[in-house]
């Protein structure tokens, strides 16, 4: 089965004429599921031209540039009016078919990262890059939904504890 069979790829983009404030995130602001922070822009005209992709809670963002740098993450919280760079592919799971966090774990795995890096190194651009279709065409083997849910829950809890510990450590004064 292919990722595109169980998830949508880049389903939504914001209209260039959108008038409201946006919270923008570029690829350098996400590394290995650590989100550095969104930049606020008063309107689309003042935002970078790459500010176009819309993602929802449960989606995975994965950078199409230099896959080995792991600019990817799972969206479990985001500000209102969050907009992502076109340097990301937004993968939106069909939740009837796959656990969203399980899909993130697959897409961020070493095996997939290495495979995408290999594809990227054959690209004609000046740096390793992949196309959204490369991500959509990845082969994924799915265990039962119960197994997906069990694996996802355990790893999500561990990841959440690690994030909390890191946040606590960041608050210590040296």
N, C-alpha and C. Protein backbone atom coordinates (compact mmCIF):
# COMPACT_ATOMS: atom_id res chain seq x y z
N UNK A 1 0.85 -1.17 0.00
CA UNK A 1 0.00 0.00 0.00
C UNK A 1 0.90 1.24 0.00
N UNK A 2 0.45 2.28 -0.63
CA UNK A 2 1.18 3.55 -0.72
C UNK A 2 0.63 4.55 0.30
N UNK A 3 1.48 5.48 0.72
CA UNK A 3 1.05 6.53 1.64
C UNK A 3 -0.14 7.28 1.05
N UNK A 4 -0.11 7.55 -0.25
CA UNK A 4 -1.21 8.30 -0.87
C UNK A 4 -2.54 7.54 -0.83
N UNK A 5 -2.50 6.23 -0.57
CA UNK A 5 -3.73 5.44 -0.46
C UNK A 5 -4.40 5.60 0.90
N UNK A 6 -3.64 6.07 1.88
CA UNK A 6 -4.18 6.18 3.24
C UNK A 6 -4.08 7.61 3.78
N UNK A 7 -3.63 8.54 2.93
CA UNK A 7 -3.49 9.94 3.37
C UNK A 7 -3.56 10.88 2.18
N UNK A 8 -4.00 12.09 2.45
CA UNK A 8 -3.99 13.13 1.43
C UNK A 8 -2.67 13.87 1.47
N UNK A 9 -2.25 14.38 0.34
CA UNK A 9 -0.99 15.11 0.22
C UNK A 9 -1.29 16.56 -0.18
N UNK A 10 -0.87 17.50 0.64
CA UNK A 10 -1.05 18.94 0.34
C UNK A 10 -2.48 19.26 -0.07
N UNK A 11 -3.41 18.91 0.79
CA UNK A 11 -4.83 19.06 0.46
C UNK A 11 -5.31 20.51 0.43
N UNK A 12 -4.74 21.38 1.28
CA UNK A 12 -5.28 22.74 1.38
C UNK A 12 -4.18 23.79 1.30
N UNK A 13 -4.49 24.86 0.60
CA UNK A 13 -3.61 26.03 0.57
C UNK A 13 -4.44 27.28 0.87
N UNK A 14 -3.77 28.28 1.38
CA UNK A 14 -4.47 29.52 1.72
C UNK A 14 -4.55 30.41 0.47
N UNK A 15 -5.63 31.12 0.36
CA UNK A 15 -5.81 32.06 -0.73
C UNK A 15 -4.86 33.24 -0.54
N UNK A 16 -4.18 33.64 -1.60
CA UNK A 16 -3.24 34.77 -1.52
C UNK A 16 -3.93 36.06 -1.08
N UNK A 17 -5.23 36.13 -1.27
CA UNK A 17 -5.98 37.34 -0.93
C UNK A 17 -6.51 37.31 0.50
N UNK A 18 -6.17 36.27 1.27
CA UNK A 18 -6.60 36.18 2.66
C UNK A 18 -6.19 37.44 3.40
N UNK A 19 -7.10 38.03 4.14
CA UNK A 19 -6.87 39.34 4.77
C UNK A 19 -6.41 39.27 6.22
N UNK A 20 -6.64 38.17 6.91
CA UNK A 20 -6.35 38.12 8.34
C UNK A 20 -4.89 37.86 8.68
N UNK A 21 -4.62 37.90 9.96
CA UNK A 21 -3.30 37.60 10.49
C UNK A 21 -2.99 36.11 10.32
N UNK A 22 -1.73 35.78 10.09
CA UNK A 22 -1.33 34.37 10.00
C UNK A 22 -0.15 34.10 10.93
N UNK A 23 -0.02 32.84 11.30
CA UNK A 23 1.12 32.35 12.08
C UNK A 23 1.88 31.41 11.15
N UNK A 24 3.06 31.82 10.73
CA UNK A 24 3.82 31.11 9.69
C UNK A 24 4.96 30.28 10.27
N UNK A 25 5.15 29.09 9.70
CA UNK A 25 6.25 28.22 10.10
C UNK A 25 7.00 27.77 8.86
N UNK A 26 8.31 27.99 8.85
CA UNK A 26 9.11 27.51 7.72
C UNK A 26 9.84 26.23 8.10
N UNK A 27 10.49 25.62 7.12
CA UNK A 27 11.09 24.30 7.33
C UNK A 27 12.21 24.32 8.36
N UNK A 28 12.92 25.41 8.46
CA UNK A 28 14.03 25.47 9.43
C UNK A 28 13.54 25.57 10.87
N UNK A 29 12.25 25.80 11.07
CA UNK A 29 11.68 25.95 12.40
C UNK A 29 11.17 24.64 12.99
N UNK A 30 11.32 23.54 12.26
CA UNK A 30 10.89 22.23 12.74
C UNK A 30 12.05 21.25 12.53
N UNK A 31 12.44 20.59 13.61
CA UNK A 31 13.46 19.55 13.49
C UNK A 31 13.09 18.39 14.40
N UNK A 32 12.94 17.24 13.80
CA UNK A 32 12.67 16.00 14.54
C UNK A 32 11.56 16.18 15.57
N UNK A 33 10.44 16.73 15.11
CA UNK A 33 9.22 16.94 15.88
C UNK A 33 9.36 18.03 16.96
N UNK A 34 10.35 18.87 16.84
CA UNK A 34 10.50 20.01 17.74
C UNK A 34 10.18 21.28 16.94
N UNK A 35 9.10 21.95 17.33
CA UNK A 35 8.65 23.16 16.64
C UNK A 35 9.22 24.37 17.38
N UNK A 36 9.99 25.20 16.68
CA UNK A 36 10.66 26.34 17.28
C UNK A 36 9.76 27.55 17.49
N UNK A 37 8.74 27.70 16.75
CA UNK A 37 7.88 28.86 16.92
C UNK A 37 7.40 29.42 15.60
N UNK A 38 6.21 29.92 15.65
CA UNK A 38 5.57 30.50 14.47
C UNK A 38 5.86 31.99 14.43
N UNK A 39 6.00 32.54 13.23
CA UNK A 39 6.17 33.98 13.07
C UNK A 39 4.83 34.59 12.68
N UNK A 40 4.50 35.69 13.30
CA UNK A 40 3.22 36.35 13.06
C UNK A 40 3.36 37.39 11.95
N UNK A 41 2.41 37.35 11.03
CA UNK A 41 2.33 38.36 9.96
C UNK A 41 0.91 38.91 9.96
N UNK A 42 0.79 40.20 9.76
CA UNK A 42 -0.51 40.86 9.80
C UNK A 42 -1.43 40.47 8.67
N UNK A 43 -0.84 40.05 7.54
CA UNK A 43 -1.64 39.64 6.39
C UNK A 43 -0.75 38.85 5.43
N UNK A 44 -1.35 38.31 4.40
CA UNK A 44 -0.61 37.49 3.43
C UNK A 44 0.40 38.32 2.64
N UNK A 45 0.09 39.58 2.42
CA UNK A 45 0.98 40.43 1.63
C UNK A 45 2.33 40.63 2.32
N UNK A 46 2.35 40.62 3.64
CA UNK A 46 3.61 40.82 4.37
C UNK A 46 4.32 39.50 4.68
N UNK A 47 3.66 38.38 4.42
CA UNK A 47 4.24 37.06 4.70
C UNK A 47 5.13 36.61 3.53
N UNK A 48 6.05 35.69 3.80
CA UNK A 48 6.86 35.14 2.70
C UNK A 48 5.97 34.49 1.64
N UNK A 49 6.42 34.52 0.40
CA UNK A 49 5.61 33.95 -0.69
C UNK A 49 5.41 32.45 -0.52
N UNK A 50 6.28 31.79 0.24
CA UNK A 50 6.14 30.35 0.47
C UNK A 50 5.09 30.02 1.53
N UNK A 51 4.52 31.00 2.18
CA UNK A 51 3.50 30.78 3.21
C UNK A 51 2.18 30.44 2.52
N UNK A 52 1.94 29.15 2.28
CA UNK A 52 0.76 28.76 1.50
C UNK A 52 0.02 27.53 2.04
N UNK A 53 0.69 26.64 2.74
CA UNK A 53 0.07 25.35 3.09
C UNK A 53 -0.70 25.43 4.40
N UNK A 54 -1.85 24.76 4.40
CA UNK A 54 -2.69 24.66 5.60
C UNK A 54 -2.62 23.21 6.09
N UNK A 55 -2.45 23.07 7.40
CA UNK A 55 -2.42 21.74 8.01
C UNK A 55 -3.41 21.71 9.17
N UNK A 56 -3.81 20.52 9.54
CA UNK A 56 -4.74 20.32 10.65
C UNK A 56 -4.06 19.52 11.76
N UNK A 57 -4.66 19.56 12.94
CA UNK A 57 -4.20 18.70 14.03
C UNK A 57 -4.25 17.25 13.52
N UNK A 58 -3.18 16.51 13.76
CA UNK A 58 -3.08 15.12 13.31
C UNK A 58 -2.32 14.95 12.01
N UNK A 59 -1.99 16.06 11.35
CA UNK A 59 -1.22 15.98 10.11
C UNK A 59 0.27 15.89 10.43
N UNK A 60 1.03 15.43 9.45
CA UNK A 60 2.49 15.40 9.54
C UNK A 60 3.03 16.40 8.53
N UNK A 61 4.00 17.21 8.97
CA UNK A 61 4.71 18.09 8.05
C UNK A 61 6.09 17.48 7.83
N UNK A 62 6.49 17.41 6.58
CA UNK A 62 7.79 16.82 6.25
C UNK A 62 8.43 17.67 5.16
N UNK A 63 9.63 18.14 5.42
CA UNK A 63 10.32 19.01 4.48
C UNK A 63 10.72 18.24 3.23
N UNK A 64 10.58 18.89 2.09
CA UNK A 64 10.98 18.27 0.83
C UNK A 64 12.44 18.59 0.50
N UNK A 65 13.08 19.38 1.33
CA UNK A 65 14.47 19.78 1.10
C UNK A 65 15.38 19.12 2.14
N UNK A 66 16.47 18.54 1.67
CA UNK A 66 17.46 17.89 2.55
C UNK A 66 16.79 16.98 3.59
N UNK A 67 16.19 15.88 3.15
CA UNK A 67 15.48 14.99 4.07
C UNK A 67 16.30 14.54 5.28
N UNK A 68 17.62 14.41 5.11
CA UNK A 68 18.44 13.93 6.22
C UNK A 68 18.53 14.91 7.39
N UNK A 69 18.07 16.15 7.20
CA UNK A 69 18.06 17.12 8.30
C UNK A 69 16.82 16.99 9.18
N UNK A 70 15.92 16.10 8.82
CA UNK A 70 14.74 15.75 9.63
C UNK A 70 13.88 16.95 10.02
N UNK A 71 13.61 17.80 9.05
CA UNK A 71 12.69 18.91 9.29
C UNK A 71 11.27 18.39 9.11
N UNK A 72 10.81 17.65 10.12
CA UNK A 72 9.48 17.06 10.07
C UNK A 72 8.87 17.06 11.47
N UNK A 73 7.55 16.99 11.51
CA UNK A 73 6.90 16.98 12.80
C UNK A 73 5.44 16.58 12.71
N UNK A 74 4.90 16.24 13.87
CA UNK A 74 3.51 15.85 14.01
C UNK A 74 2.76 17.01 14.65
N UNK A 75 1.69 17.42 14.03
CA UNK A 75 0.93 18.56 14.54
C UNK A 75 -0.11 18.06 15.54
N UNK A 76 0.20 18.25 16.82
CA UNK A 76 -0.78 17.90 17.86
C UNK A 76 -1.31 19.15 18.54
N UNK A 77 -0.69 20.27 18.24
CA UNK A 77 -1.16 21.57 18.71
C UNK A 77 -0.62 22.62 17.74
N UNK A 78 -1.40 23.64 17.48
CA UNK A 78 -0.94 24.73 16.61
C UNK A 78 -1.79 25.96 16.88
N UNK A 79 -1.25 27.13 16.60
CA UNK A 79 -2.03 28.35 16.80
C UNK A 79 -3.13 28.48 15.73
N UNK A 80 -4.10 29.32 16.03
CA UNK A 80 -5.11 29.65 15.01
C UNK A 80 -4.39 30.28 13.82
N UNK A 81 -4.93 30.07 12.65
CA UNK A 81 -4.40 30.66 11.41
C UNK A 81 -2.96 30.24 11.11
N UNK A 82 -2.62 29.01 11.49
CA UNK A 82 -1.28 28.49 11.20
C UNK A 82 -1.15 28.20 9.71
N UNK A 83 -0.04 28.67 9.13
CA UNK A 83 0.26 28.47 7.72
C UNK A 83 1.69 27.96 7.63
N UNK A 84 1.89 27.01 6.73
CA UNK A 84 3.19 26.36 6.60
C UNK A 84 3.82 26.65 5.24
N UNK A 85 5.13 26.57 5.21
CA UNK A 85 5.90 26.82 3.99
C UNK A 85 5.58 25.77 2.92
N UNK A 86 5.67 26.18 1.67
CA UNK A 86 5.53 25.22 0.57
C UNK A 86 6.74 24.30 0.51
N UNK A 87 7.75 24.54 1.33
CA UNK A 87 8.87 23.61 1.47
C UNK A 87 8.49 22.35 2.22
N UNK A 88 7.32 22.37 2.85
CA UNK A 88 6.78 21.19 3.52
C UNK A 88 5.81 20.46 2.60
N UNK A 89 5.77 19.16 2.73
CA UNK A 89 4.63 18.39 2.25
C UNK A 89 3.77 18.14 3.48
N UNK A 90 2.48 18.42 3.36
CA UNK A 90 1.55 18.18 4.46
C UNK A 90 0.85 16.86 4.17
N UNK A 91 1.00 15.90 5.08
CA UNK A 91 0.41 14.58 4.91
C UNK A 91 -0.74 14.46 5.90
N UNK A 92 -1.96 14.34 5.36
CA UNK A 92 -3.19 14.32 6.16
C UNK A 92 -3.76 12.91 6.16
N UNK A 93 -3.68 12.20 7.29
CA UNK A 93 -4.10 10.81 7.32
C UNK A 93 -5.61 10.63 7.20
N UNK A 94 -5.99 9.55 6.53
CA UNK A 94 -7.38 9.11 6.55
C UNK A 94 -7.52 8.32 7.84
N UNK A 95 -8.13 8.92 8.85
CA UNK A 95 -8.15 8.33 10.18
C UNK A 95 -8.97 7.04 10.27
N UNK A 96 -9.74 6.74 9.25
CA UNK A 96 -10.43 5.44 9.20
C UNK A 96 -9.45 4.33 8.85
N UNK A 97 -8.32 4.70 8.23
CA UNK A 97 -7.37 3.70 7.74
C UNK A 97 -6.08 3.62 8.53
N UNK A 98 -5.68 4.76 9.13
CA UNK A 98 -4.39 4.78 9.83
C UNK A 98 -4.42 5.74 11.02
N UNK A 99 -3.75 5.35 12.07
CA UNK A 99 -3.58 6.21 13.22
C UNK A 99 -2.64 7.36 12.81
N UNK A 100 -3.03 8.61 13.03
CA UNK A 100 -2.21 9.73 12.59
C UNK A 100 -0.77 9.71 13.12
N UNK A 101 -0.60 9.36 14.39
CA UNK A 101 0.75 9.35 14.95
C UNK A 101 1.56 8.17 14.40
N UNK A 102 0.90 7.08 14.11
CA UNK A 102 1.59 5.94 13.49
C UNK A 102 2.15 6.36 12.13
N UNK A 103 1.36 7.13 11.37
CA UNK A 103 1.83 7.62 10.07
C UNK A 103 3.03 8.54 10.27
N UNK A 104 2.95 9.43 11.25
CA UNK A 104 4.11 10.29 11.54
C UNK A 104 5.35 9.44 11.87
N UNK A 105 5.18 8.43 12.72
CA UNK A 105 6.32 7.58 13.09
C UNK A 105 6.93 6.91 11.87
N UNK A 106 6.08 6.46 10.96
CA UNK A 106 6.59 5.87 9.72
C UNK A 106 7.36 6.90 8.90
N UNK A 107 6.75 8.05 8.67
CA UNK A 107 7.36 9.07 7.81
C UNK A 107 8.65 9.65 8.40
N UNK A 108 8.79 9.62 9.70
CA UNK A 108 9.99 10.17 10.34
C UNK A 108 11.02 9.10 10.70
N UNK A 109 10.76 7.87 10.32
CA UNK A 109 11.68 6.77 10.65
C UNK A 109 13.00 6.93 9.89
N UNK A 110 14.05 6.34 10.45
CA UNK A 110 15.37 6.38 9.81
C UNK A 110 15.32 5.79 8.41
N UNK A 111 14.61 4.68 8.27
CA UNK A 111 14.53 4.00 6.98
C UNK A 111 13.94 4.92 5.91
N UNK A 112 12.84 5.57 6.23
CA UNK A 112 12.19 6.47 5.28
C UNK A 112 13.07 7.70 5.04
N UNK A 113 13.66 8.24 6.09
CA UNK A 113 14.54 9.40 5.94
C UNK A 113 15.70 9.09 5.00
N UNK A 114 16.33 7.95 5.20
CA UNK A 114 17.45 7.55 4.33
C UNK A 114 16.99 7.34 2.89
N UNK A 115 15.82 6.72 2.73
CA UNK A 115 15.29 6.48 1.38
C UNK A 115 15.00 7.81 0.67
N UNK A 116 14.36 8.74 1.37
CA UNK A 116 14.07 10.04 0.77
C UNK A 116 15.35 10.81 0.47
N UNK A 117 16.36 10.68 1.32
CA UNK A 117 17.64 11.34 1.06
C UNK A 117 18.26 10.78 -0.22
N UNK A 118 18.17 9.47 -0.42
CA UNK A 118 18.70 8.86 -1.65
C UNK A 118 17.98 9.41 -2.87
N UNK A 119 16.66 9.51 -2.79
CA UNK A 119 15.90 10.09 -3.90
C UNK A 119 16.34 11.54 -4.11
N UNK A 120 16.45 12.28 -3.01
CA UNK A 120 16.83 13.69 -3.09
C UNK A 120 18.17 13.92 -3.74
N UNK A 121 19.10 13.02 -3.50
CA UNK A 121 20.44 13.18 -4.07
C UNK A 121 20.46 12.98 -5.57
N UNK A 122 19.41 12.40 -6.12
CA UNK A 122 19.33 12.24 -7.58
C UNK A 122 18.56 13.39 -8.23
N UNK A 123 18.07 14.33 -7.41
CA UNK A 123 17.30 15.45 -7.96
C UNK A 123 18.21 16.37 -8.76
N UNK A 124 17.60 17.14 -9.62
CA UNK A 124 18.37 18.04 -10.49
C UNK A 124 18.60 19.41 -9.85
N UNK A 125 18.09 19.62 -8.64
CA UNK A 125 18.30 20.92 -7.99
C UNK A 125 19.70 20.97 -7.36
N UNK A 126 20.06 22.13 -6.87
CA UNK A 126 21.39 22.35 -6.30
C UNK A 126 21.58 21.64 -4.96
N UNK A 127 20.51 21.17 -4.36
CA UNK A 127 20.56 20.51 -3.06
C UNK A 127 19.59 19.34 -3.09
N UNK A 128 19.78 18.34 -2.21
CA UNK A 128 18.88 17.19 -2.20
C UNK A 128 17.44 17.61 -1.91
N UNK A 129 16.53 17.23 -2.78
CA UNK A 129 15.12 17.54 -2.55
C UNK A 129 14.25 16.44 -3.15
N UNK A 130 13.07 16.30 -2.57
CA UNK A 130 12.10 15.32 -3.05
C UNK A 130 10.82 16.05 -3.42
N UNK A 131 9.98 15.37 -4.17
CA UNK A 131 8.68 15.92 -4.55
C UNK A 131 7.61 15.35 -3.62
N UNK A 132 6.51 16.06 -3.45
CA UNK A 132 5.41 15.50 -2.66
C UNK A 132 4.99 14.12 -3.16
N UNK A 133 5.06 13.90 -4.48
CA UNK A 133 4.67 12.59 -5.02
C UNK A 133 5.63 11.49 -4.55
N UNK A 134 6.90 11.82 -4.30
CA UNK A 134 7.83 10.83 -3.75
C UNK A 134 7.36 10.35 -2.38
N UNK A 135 6.86 11.27 -1.59
CA UNK A 135 6.34 10.92 -0.26
C UNK A 135 5.05 10.12 -0.40
N UNK A 136 4.17 10.56 -1.27
CA UNK A 136 2.91 9.85 -1.50
C UNK A 136 3.10 8.44 -2.03
N UNK A 137 4.18 8.22 -2.76
CA UNK A 137 4.44 6.90 -3.35
C UNK A 137 5.24 5.96 -2.46
N UNK A 138 5.54 6.38 -1.23
CA UNK A 138 6.23 5.48 -0.31
C UNK A 138 5.36 4.28 0.00
N UNK A 139 5.97 3.11 0.04
CA UNK A 139 5.25 1.89 0.43
C UNK A 139 5.18 1.82 1.95
N UNK A 140 3.99 1.50 2.45
CA UNK A 140 3.79 1.37 3.89
C UNK A 140 3.00 0.09 4.16
N UNK A 141 3.50 -0.71 5.08
CA UNK A 141 2.78 -1.92 5.51
C UNK A 141 2.05 -1.57 6.80
N UNK A 142 0.77 -1.86 6.83
CA UNK A 142 -0.04 -1.48 7.99
C UNK A 142 -0.43 -2.70 8.82
N UNK A 143 -0.09 -2.67 10.11
CA UNK A 143 -0.65 -3.68 11.00
C UNK A 143 -2.12 -3.33 11.26
N UNK A 144 -2.80 -4.13 12.04
CA UNK A 144 -4.19 -3.85 12.38
C UNK A 144 -4.28 -2.49 13.08
N UNK A 145 -5.45 -1.90 13.07
CA UNK A 145 -5.63 -0.60 13.72
C UNK A 145 -5.35 -0.70 15.21
N UNK A 146 -5.73 -1.82 15.84
CA UNK A 146 -5.44 -1.99 17.27
C UNK A 146 -3.94 -1.93 17.54
N UNK A 147 -3.15 -2.57 16.71
CA UNK A 147 -1.70 -2.57 16.87
C UNK A 147 -1.15 -1.16 16.63
N UNK A 148 -1.64 -0.50 15.59
CA UNK A 148 -1.22 0.89 15.31
C UNK A 148 -1.49 1.78 16.53
N UNK A 149 -2.71 1.65 17.08
CA UNK A 149 -3.10 2.49 18.21
C UNK A 149 -2.23 2.23 19.43
N UNK A 150 -1.93 0.96 19.68
CA UNK A 150 -1.12 0.60 20.84
C UNK A 150 0.30 1.15 20.71
N UNK A 151 0.91 0.93 19.56
CA UNK A 151 2.26 1.43 19.30
C UNK A 151 2.29 2.96 19.41
N UNK A 152 1.33 3.60 18.76
CA UNK A 152 1.28 5.07 18.73
C UNK A 152 1.11 5.65 20.13
N UNK A 153 0.23 5.06 20.91
CA UNK A 153 -0.02 5.56 22.26
C UNK A 153 1.24 5.50 23.11
N UNK A 154 1.90 4.35 23.09
CA UNK A 154 3.11 4.17 23.91
C UNK A 154 4.21 5.16 23.50
N UNK A 155 4.46 5.26 22.22
CA UNK A 155 5.54 6.15 21.76
C UNK A 155 5.16 7.61 21.95
N UNK A 156 3.89 7.96 21.73
CA UNK A 156 3.46 9.34 21.94
C UNK A 156 3.65 9.74 23.40
N UNK A 157 3.31 8.85 24.32
CA UNK A 157 3.50 9.15 25.74
C UNK A 157 4.98 9.36 26.07
N UNK A 158 5.83 8.50 25.54
CA UNK A 158 7.28 8.65 25.76
C UNK A 158 7.79 9.96 25.15
N UNK A 159 7.37 10.25 23.93
CA UNK A 159 7.79 11.49 23.27
C UNK A 159 7.32 12.72 24.05
N UNK A 160 6.10 12.65 24.59
CA UNK A 160 5.57 13.77 25.37
C UNK A 160 6.39 13.98 26.64
N UNK A 161 6.78 12.88 27.29
CA UNK A 161 7.61 13.00 28.50
C UNK A 161 8.98 13.58 28.16
N UNK A 162 9.56 13.17 27.06
CA UNK A 162 10.85 13.71 26.63
C UNK A 162 10.74 15.21 26.37
N UNK A 163 9.67 15.62 25.67
CA UNK A 163 9.47 17.05 25.40
C UNK A 163 9.33 17.84 26.71
N UNK A 164 8.58 17.29 27.66
CA UNK A 164 8.40 17.97 28.94
C UNK A 164 9.73 18.08 29.68
N UNK A 165 10.51 17.00 29.70
CA UNK A 165 11.82 17.05 30.35
C UNK A 165 12.72 18.09 29.69
N UNK A 166 12.71 18.14 28.37
CA UNK A 166 13.52 19.13 27.66
C UNK A 166 13.09 20.55 28.01
N UNK A 167 11.79 20.75 28.12
CA UNK A 167 11.27 22.08 28.47
C UNK A 167 11.72 22.46 29.89
N UNK A 168 11.65 21.50 30.81
CA UNK A 168 12.10 21.75 32.18
C UNK A 168 13.59 22.07 32.19
N UNK A 169 14.37 21.29 31.46
CA UNK A 169 15.82 21.52 31.40
C UNK A 169 16.15 22.88 30.81
N UNK A 170 15.38 23.31 29.82
CA UNK A 170 15.62 24.62 29.19
C UNK A 170 15.39 25.76 30.18
N UNK A 171 14.58 25.51 31.21
CA UNK A 171 14.28 26.55 32.18
C UNK A 171 15.30 26.65 33.31
N UNK A 172 16.19 25.66 33.41
CA UNK A 172 17.24 25.74 34.43
C UNK A 172 18.24 26.82 34.05
N UNK A 173 18.68 27.56 35.02
CA UNK A 173 19.69 28.59 34.79
C UNK A 173 21.05 27.97 35.05
N UNK A 174 21.97 28.17 34.11
CA UNK A 174 23.31 27.58 34.26
C UNK A 174 24.13 28.30 35.30
